[in-house]
């Protein structure tokens, strides 16, 4: 496994060494790995392409030979051959429905002007470390760190049913962590930091380089800009997903630059302690089940009115409605 760890360090992806070890991946297994295998292990799309390309590139050099049995660091002669990814597949990217969290510091330029460059760096890094930890703890992925800003994705590389809930909890955790940083720095003369967080849900495309394309990141950034310092603001689409799980305050409808329709915003106050989403009470409509519904209707028509009312009252209501029309 040390050979794999050495190789991952050579291609600047040492963070996957533990995952390779957990899945029993050694040098002899590398030629048999596919893009889907790496995806199932949680490797990001861009990193999957980089791994497969590096294997193909190194193994194509003259003098390539089977990997050494033990102890020798992996080099060009020790990487087995793998088929490179087709350029068209690489350019296509992945279409995902993601929850995007955007977090940024308030008045960072003014604060930076009051501090030495190293002090400012240390302060920003402490904030980003806490924010990243909050995202990772909730199963999110830190997509970018833009100066003193951070963009995180929930639903990529692995989608879960409660992506919006986990993003909201990560946002509140970030604000709590930042408050703790300010408390510790209170006696040191360092200025307090305040962050704003915006969250949006929507379809995006993630390309091979990890770039995100779609409206959701832009809307999340604009929602963040409308938030008050130290608060978390979400759109109506996010609120619909987390209704009942958090105490919220409606912030009215807002015109966002580049967005054709007004967007209703909500401020997250705190977790409510509820164990289920209020939205779960509204069942999702059936789609493409006309034949099955028709069969149930026929069965309902055959049964007595009393029996039908006891076993399938909603079908009887539908039958009565159809009969009246």
Protein backbone atom coordinates (compact mmCIF):
# COMPACT_ATOMS: atom_id res chain seq x y z
CA UNK A 1 0.00 0.00 0.00
CA UNK A 2 2.99 2.32 0.50
CA UNK A 3 3.60 2.19 -3.26
CA UNK A 4 0.09 3.47 -3.92
CA UNK A 5 0.51 6.22 -1.31
CA UNK A 6 3.81 7.29 -2.93
CA UNK A 7 2.20 7.39 -6.36
CA UNK A 8 -0.77 9.45 -5.13
CA UNK A 9 1.68 11.95 -3.63
CA UNK A 10 3.47 12.19 -6.97
CA UNK A 11 0.28 13.26 -8.71
CA UNK A 12 -0.74 15.63 -5.87
CA UNK A 13 -3.68 13.51 -4.69
CA UNK A 14 -2.43 12.10 -1.35
CA UNK A 15 -5.85 12.55 0.25
CA UNK A 16 -7.07 9.35 -1.44
CA UNK A 17 -4.41 7.06 0.05
CA UNK A 18 -6.69 5.98 2.88
CA UNK A 19 -9.58 5.20 0.51
CA UNK A 20 -7.33 3.09 -1.70
CA UNK A 21 -6.11 1.20 1.37
CA UNK A 22 -9.66 0.68 2.68
CA UNK A 23 -10.67 -0.85 -0.65
CA UNK A 24 -7.57 -3.06 -0.90
CA UNK A 25 -6.25 -1.31 -4.00
CA UNK A 26 -2.59 -2.08 -4.66
CA UNK A 27 -0.43 -1.80 -7.78
CA UNK A 28 -1.63 -5.12 -9.17
CA UNK A 29 -5.26 -3.89 -9.12
CA UNK A 30 -4.64 -0.57 -10.90
CA UNK A 31 -4.92 -1.92 -14.48
CA UNK A 32 -8.38 -3.25 -13.71
CA UNK A 33 -9.82 -0.03 -12.23
CA UNK A 34 -12.49 1.78 -14.21
CA UNK A 35 -13.86 5.27 -13.97
CA UNK A 36 -16.97 3.83 -12.27
CA UNK A 37 -14.79 2.04 -9.69
CA UNK A 38 -13.10 5.30 -8.76
CA UNK A 39 -16.46 7.07 -8.68
CA UNK A 40 -17.84 4.46 -6.27
CA UNK A 41 -14.83 5.06 -4.02
CA UNK A 42 -15.79 8.75 -3.80
CA UNK A 43 -13.05 10.12 -6.09
CA UNK A 44 -14.04 13.46 -7.65
CA UNK A 45 -14.59 13.58 -11.40
CA UNK A 46 -11.55 15.76 -12.11
CA UNK A 47 -9.38 13.63 -9.86
CA UNK A 48 -10.61 10.44 -11.57
CA UNK A 49 -9.55 11.82 -14.92
CA UNK A 50 -6.20 12.87 -13.47
CA UNK A 51 -5.54 9.43 -11.98
CA UNK A 52 -6.40 7.51 -15.14
CA UNK A 53 -4.46 9.94 -17.34
CA UNK A 54 -1.41 9.73 -15.05
CA UNK A 55 -1.48 5.92 -15.15
CA UNK A 56 -1.72 5.93 -18.93
CA UNK A 57 0.96 8.59 -19.35
CA UNK A 58 3.49 7.01 -17.03
CA UNK A 59 2.98 3.50 -18.35
CA UNK A 60 3.38 4.64 -21.96
CA UNK A 61 6.97 5.76 -21.40
CA UNK A 62 9.74 3.48 -22.74
CA UNK A 63 10.99 0.80 -20.37
CA UNK A 64 7.68 0.23 -18.62
CA UNK A 65 7.75 -3.01 -16.67
CA UNK A 66 5.68 -4.83 -14.07
CA UNK A 67 5.52 -3.17 -10.65
CA UNK A 68 8.18 -4.25 -8.12
CA UNK A 69 7.02 -6.72 -5.52
CA UNK A 70 7.93 -4.75 -2.41
CA UNK A 71 9.54 -1.68 -1.06
CA UNK A 72 10.55 0.28 -4.19
CA UNK A 73 8.90 3.62 -4.82
CA UNK A 74 6.54 3.67 -7.77
CA UNK A 75 8.03 5.25 -10.87
CA UNK A 76 7.37 5.39 -14.61
CA UNK A 77 8.41 1.73 -15.00
CA UNK A 78 6.09 0.47 -12.29
CA UNK A 79 2.69 1.80 -13.35
CA UNK A 80 0.51 -0.64 -15.28
CA UNK A 81 -1.29 0.37 -18.43
CA UNK A 82 -4.83 1.81 -18.34
CA UNK A 83 -6.92 3.06 -21.21
CA UNK A 84 -7.09 6.87 -21.30
CA UNK A 85 -10.50 8.54 -21.07
CA UNK A 86 -11.94 9.68 -24.37
CA UNK A 87 -11.80 13.49 -24.79
CA UNK A 88 -15.54 13.67 -25.54
CA UNK A 89 -16.43 11.92 -22.27
CA UNK A 90 -14.07 14.17 -20.37
CA UNK A 91 -15.58 17.33 -21.84
CA UNK A 92 -19.16 16.25 -21.20
CA UNK A 93 -19.05 16.46 -17.39
CA UNK A 94 -21.78 15.29 -15.05
CA UNK A 95 -25.24 16.75 -14.63
CA UNK A 96 -26.25 16.86 -10.98
CA UNK A 97 -28.98 18.38 -8.81
CA UNK A 98 -26.95 20.00 -6.03
CA UNK A 99 -27.32 22.12 -2.94
CA UNK A 100 -24.78 24.94 -3.15
CA UNK A 101 -23.53 26.79 -0.07
CA UNK A 102 -21.65 30.07 -0.46
CA UNK A 103 -19.93 31.64 2.54
CA UNK A 104 -18.03 34.94 2.61
CA UNK A 105 -16.54 37.28 5.20
CA UNK A 106 -18.02 40.72 5.80
CA UNK A 107 -15.77 43.78 5.26
CA UNK A 108 -12.70 41.65 4.68
CA UNK A 109 -10.90 44.50 2.88
CA UNK A 110 -11.33 46.83 5.85
CA UNK A 111 -10.18 44.20 8.33
CA UNK A 112 -7.15 43.26 6.22
CA UNK A 113 -6.06 46.91 6.13
CA UNK A 114 -5.81 46.93 9.94
CA UNK A 115 -3.65 43.81 10.21
CA UNK A 116 -0.25 42.62 9.18
CA UNK A 117 -0.39 40.35 6.12
CA UNK A 118 0.63 37.27 8.14
CA UNK A 119 -1.91 38.02 10.87
CA UNK A 120 -4.62 38.39 8.26
CA UNK A 121 -3.58 35.13 6.61
CA UNK A 122 -3.70 33.27 9.93
CA UNK A 123 -7.11 34.73 10.78
CA UNK A 124 -8.62 33.86 7.39
CA UNK A 125 -7.13 30.36 7.45
CA UNK A 126 -8.62 29.72 10.90
CA UNK A 127 -12.05 30.75 9.62
CA UNK A 128 -11.73 28.68 6.43
CA UNK A 129 -10.53 25.64 8.39
CA UNK A 130 -13.58 25.79 10.66
CA UNK A 131 -15.94 26.31 7.72
CA UNK A 132 -14.37 23.43 5.78
CA UNK A 133 -14.59 21.17 8.83
CA UNK A 134 -18.29 21.99 9.24
CA UNK A 135 -18.95 21.16 5.58
CA UNK A 136 -16.97 17.92 5.67
CA UNK A 137 -18.60 16.82 8.91
CA UNK A 138 -22.01 17.10 7.24
CA UNK A 139 -20.88 15.12 4.20
CA UNK A 140 -20.36 18.10 1.90
CA UNK A 141 -17.55 18.82 -0.53
CA UNK A 142 -15.54 22.06 -0.49
CA UNK A 143 -15.45 22.97 -4.19
CA UNK A 144 -13.55 26.27 -3.99
CA UNK A 145 -11.85 28.64 -1.61
CA UNK A 146 -11.93 32.09 -3.15
CA UNK A 147 -9.79 34.36 -1.00
CA UNK A 148 -11.91 34.70 2.14
CA UNK A 149 -14.91 33.00 0.52
CA UNK A 150 -15.88 29.36 0.28
CA UNK A 151 -18.22 27.42 -1.99
CA UNK A 152 -19.38 23.97 -0.89
CA UNK A 153 -21.50 21.34 -2.63
CA UNK A 154 -23.92 18.88 -1.12
CA UNK A 155 -24.98 16.06 -3.42
CA UNK A 156 -21.58 15.66 -5.08
CA UNK A 157 -19.77 13.35 -5.48
CA UNK A 158 -22.38 11.31 -3.54
CA UNK A 159 -26.03 12.41 -3.51
CA UNK A 160 -28.19 11.87 -0.44
CA UNK A 161 -31.86 12.49 0.25
CA UNK A 162 -31.21 15.20 2.84
CA UNK A 163 -28.56 17.27 1.03
CA UNK A 164 -30.41 20.53 1.75
CA UNK A 165 -30.74 19.71 5.45
CA UNK A 166 -27.06 18.86 5.75
CA UNK A 167 -26.08 22.09 3.99
CA UNK A 168 -28.24 24.11 6.39
CA UNK A 169 -26.73 22.41 9.42
CA UNK A 170 -23.22 23.00 8.06
CA UNK A 171 -24.01 26.70 7.59
CA UNK A 172 -25.26 27.11 11.16
CA UNK A 173 -22.25 25.15 12.44
CA UNK A 174 -19.93 27.49 10.54
CA UNK A 175 -21.48 30.53 12.20
CA UNK A 176 -21.14 28.91 15.64
CA UNK A 177 -17.50 28.05 14.96
CA UNK A 178 -16.78 31.60 13.83
CA UNK A 179 -18.36 32.95 17.02
CA UNK A 180 -16.04 30.66 19.00
CA UNK A 181 -13.02 31.97 17.07
CA UNK A 182 -14.06 35.53 17.90
CA UNK A 183 -14.44 34.61 21.56
CA UNK A 184 -10.92 33.18 21.69
CA UNK A 185 -9.49 36.22 19.91
CA UNK A 186 -11.34 38.73 22.09
CA UNK A 187 -8.33 39.42 24.34
CA UNK A 188 -5.69 39.44 21.61
CA UNK A 189 -6.67 42.64 19.86
CA UNK A 190 -7.69 40.87 16.67
CA UNK A 191 -10.88 42.20 15.07
CA UNK A 192 -13.97 39.96 15.14
CA UNK A 193 -14.97 38.20 11.95
CA UNK A 194 -18.51 38.03 10.62
CA UNK A 195 -19.63 35.80 7.78
CA UNK A 196 -22.70 35.63 5.59
CA UNK A 197 -23.97 32.36 4.14
CA UNK A 198 -26.35 31.78 1.23
CA UNK A 199 -27.79 28.44 0.09
CA UNK A 200 -29.56 27.48 -3.13
CA UNK A 201 -30.64 24.24 -4.86
CA UNK A 202 -30.63 23.57 -8.58
CA UNK A 203 -29.34 21.58 -11.56
CA UNK A 204 -25.69 22.08 -12.49
CA UNK A 205 -23.00 20.50 -14.64
CA UNK A 206 -19.68 19.54 -13.05
CA UNK A 207 -16.88 19.27 -15.63
CA UNK A 208 -13.67 17.25 -15.54
CA UNK A 209 -11.76 20.10 -13.91
CA UNK A 210 -14.31 20.40 -11.10
CA UNK A 211 -15.84 23.63 -12.42
CA UNK A 212 -19.54 24.15 -11.68
CA UNK A 213 -21.91 25.46 -14.36
CA UNK A 214 -25.48 26.51 -13.68
CA UNK A 215 -27.61 29.13 -11.94
CA UNK A 216 -27.43 27.64 -8.43
CA UNK A 217 -23.86 28.83 -7.58
CA UNK A 218 -24.59 32.36 -8.83
CA UNK A 219 -27.87 32.57 -6.93
CA UNK A 220 -26.24 31.24 -3.75
CA UNK A 221 -23.58 33.96 -4.01
CA UNK A 222 -26.18 36.70 -4.54
CA UNK A 223 -28.32 35.39 -1.67
CA UNK A 224 -25.23 35.47 0.54
CA UNK A 225 -24.65 39.12 -0.37
CA UNK A 226 -28.18 39.98 0.83
CA UNK A 227 -27.74 38.24 4.18
CA UNK A 228 -27.00 40.21 7.32
CA UNK A 229 -23.61 39.66 9.00
CA UNK A 230 -23.58 36.46 11.03
CA UNK A 231 -26.71 34.99 9.40
CA UNK A 232 -27.66 32.17 7.03
CA UNK A 233 -30.19 32.89 4.25
CA UNK A 234 -31.79 30.31 1.96
CA UNK A 235 -34.12 30.45 -1.01
CA UNK A 236 -37.70 29.22 -1.09
CA UNK A 237 -36.59 26.03 -2.86
CA UNK A 238 -34.24 25.21 0.01
CA UNK A 239 -36.89 26.12 2.58
CA UNK A 240 -39.33 23.71 0.92
CA UNK A 241 -36.82 20.88 1.43
CA UNK A 242 -36.05 21.67 5.08
CA UNK A 243 -39.46 22.89 6.27
CA UNK A 244 -40.14 21.77 9.83
CA UNK A 245 -36.50 21.02 10.60
CA UNK A 246 -35.44 24.63 11.23
CA UNK A 247 -36.88 27.78 12.72
CA UNK A 248 -36.89 30.40 9.94
CA UNK A 249 -37.85 34.02 9.37
CA UNK A 250 -39.20 35.09 6.00
CA UNK A 251 -37.18 37.93 4.46
CA UNK A 252 -39.56 38.78 1.65
CA UNK A 253 -39.21 38.62 -2.11
CA UNK A 254 -36.06 40.01 -3.73
CA UNK A 255 -34.92 40.81 -7.25
CA UNK A 256 -31.57 39.12 -7.89
CA UNK A 257 -29.31 40.27 -10.69
CA UNK A 258 -29.51 37.88 -13.62
CA UNK A 259 -32.54 36.03 -12.21
CA UNK A 260 -35.76 36.66 -14.19
CA UNK A 261 -38.21 36.00 -11.35
CA UNK A 262 -38.22 37.42 -7.78
CA UNK A 263 -36.83 35.03 -5.19
CA UNK A 264 -38.32 34.63 -1.72
CA UNK A 265 -35.67 34.38 0.97
CA UNK A 266 -35.67 32.95 4.50
CA UNK A 267 -33.23 33.40 7.36
CA UNK A 268 -32.31 30.28 9.32
CA UNK A 269 -32.54 30.97 13.03
CA UNK A 270 -31.75 27.56 14.49
CA UNK A 271 -32.57 23.89 14.18
CA UNK A 272 -36.08 23.16 15.44
CA UNK A 273 -35.33 19.72 16.85
CA UNK A 274 -38.06 18.23 14.67
CA UNK A 275 -37.51 14.72 13.39
CA UNK A 276 -39.16 15.05 9.97
CA UNK A 277 -39.68 17.56 7.21
CA UNK A 278 -43.07 19.21 7.15
CA UNK A 279 -43.00 18.84 3.38
CA UNK A 280 -43.06 15.06 3.73
CA UNK A 281 -46.76 15.26 4.51
CA UNK A 282 -47.35 16.18 0.84
CA UNK A 283 -46.92 13.03 -1.23
CA UNK A 284 -45.18 13.26 -4.58
CA UNK A 285 -47.65 12.80 -7.49
CA UNK A 286 -47.43 9.52 -9.40
CA UNK A 287 -45.86 9.87 -12.85
CA UNK A 288 -46.21 7.32 -15.64
CA UNK A 289 -48.49 5.00 -13.67
CA UNK A 290 -51.68 5.40 -15.70
CA UNK A 291 -52.07 1.66 -16.31
CA UNK A 292 -51.59 0.77 -12.65
CA UNK A 293 -54.02 3.46 -11.52
CA UNK A 294 -56.59 2.27 -14.08
CA UNK A 295 -56.28 -1.28 -12.74
CA UNK A 296 -56.84 -0.06 -9.18
CA UNK A 297 -59.86 1.91 -10.33
CA UNK A 298 -61.36 -1.20 -11.96
CA UNK A 299 -60.83 -3.18 -8.77
CA UNK A 300 -62.46 -0.40 -6.78
CA UNK A 301 -65.50 -0.36 -9.05
CA UNK A 302 -66.00 -4.07 -8.46
CA UNK A 303 -66.06 -3.79 -4.72
CA UNK A 304 -68.96 -2.57 -2.62
CA UNK A 305 -69.16 1.09 -1.68
CA UNK A 306 -68.71 0.23 2.00
CA UNK A 307 -65.68 -1.95 1.38
CA UNK A 308 -64.13 0.56 -0.96
CA UNK A 309 -64.49 3.35 1.56
CA UNK A 310 -62.69 1.26 4.14
CA UNK A 311 -59.80 0.04 1.97
CA UNK A 312 -59.23 2.76 -0.64
CA UNK A 313 -61.17 5.94 0.15
CA UNK A 314 -59.06 8.11 -2.13
CA UNK A 315 -59.95 5.89 -5.11
CA UNK A 316 -63.63 6.21 -4.30
CA UNK A 317 -63.36 9.97 -4.17
CA UNK A 318 -61.62 9.90 -7.55
CA UNK A 319 -64.33 7.59 -8.92
CA UNK A 320 -67.08 9.94 -7.74
CA UNK A 321 -65.24 12.90 -9.24
CA UNK A 322 -64.82 11.15 -12.59
CA UNK A 323 -68.49 10.10 -12.57
CA UNK A 324 -69.55 13.71 -12.01
CA UNK A 325 -67.55 14.86 -14.99
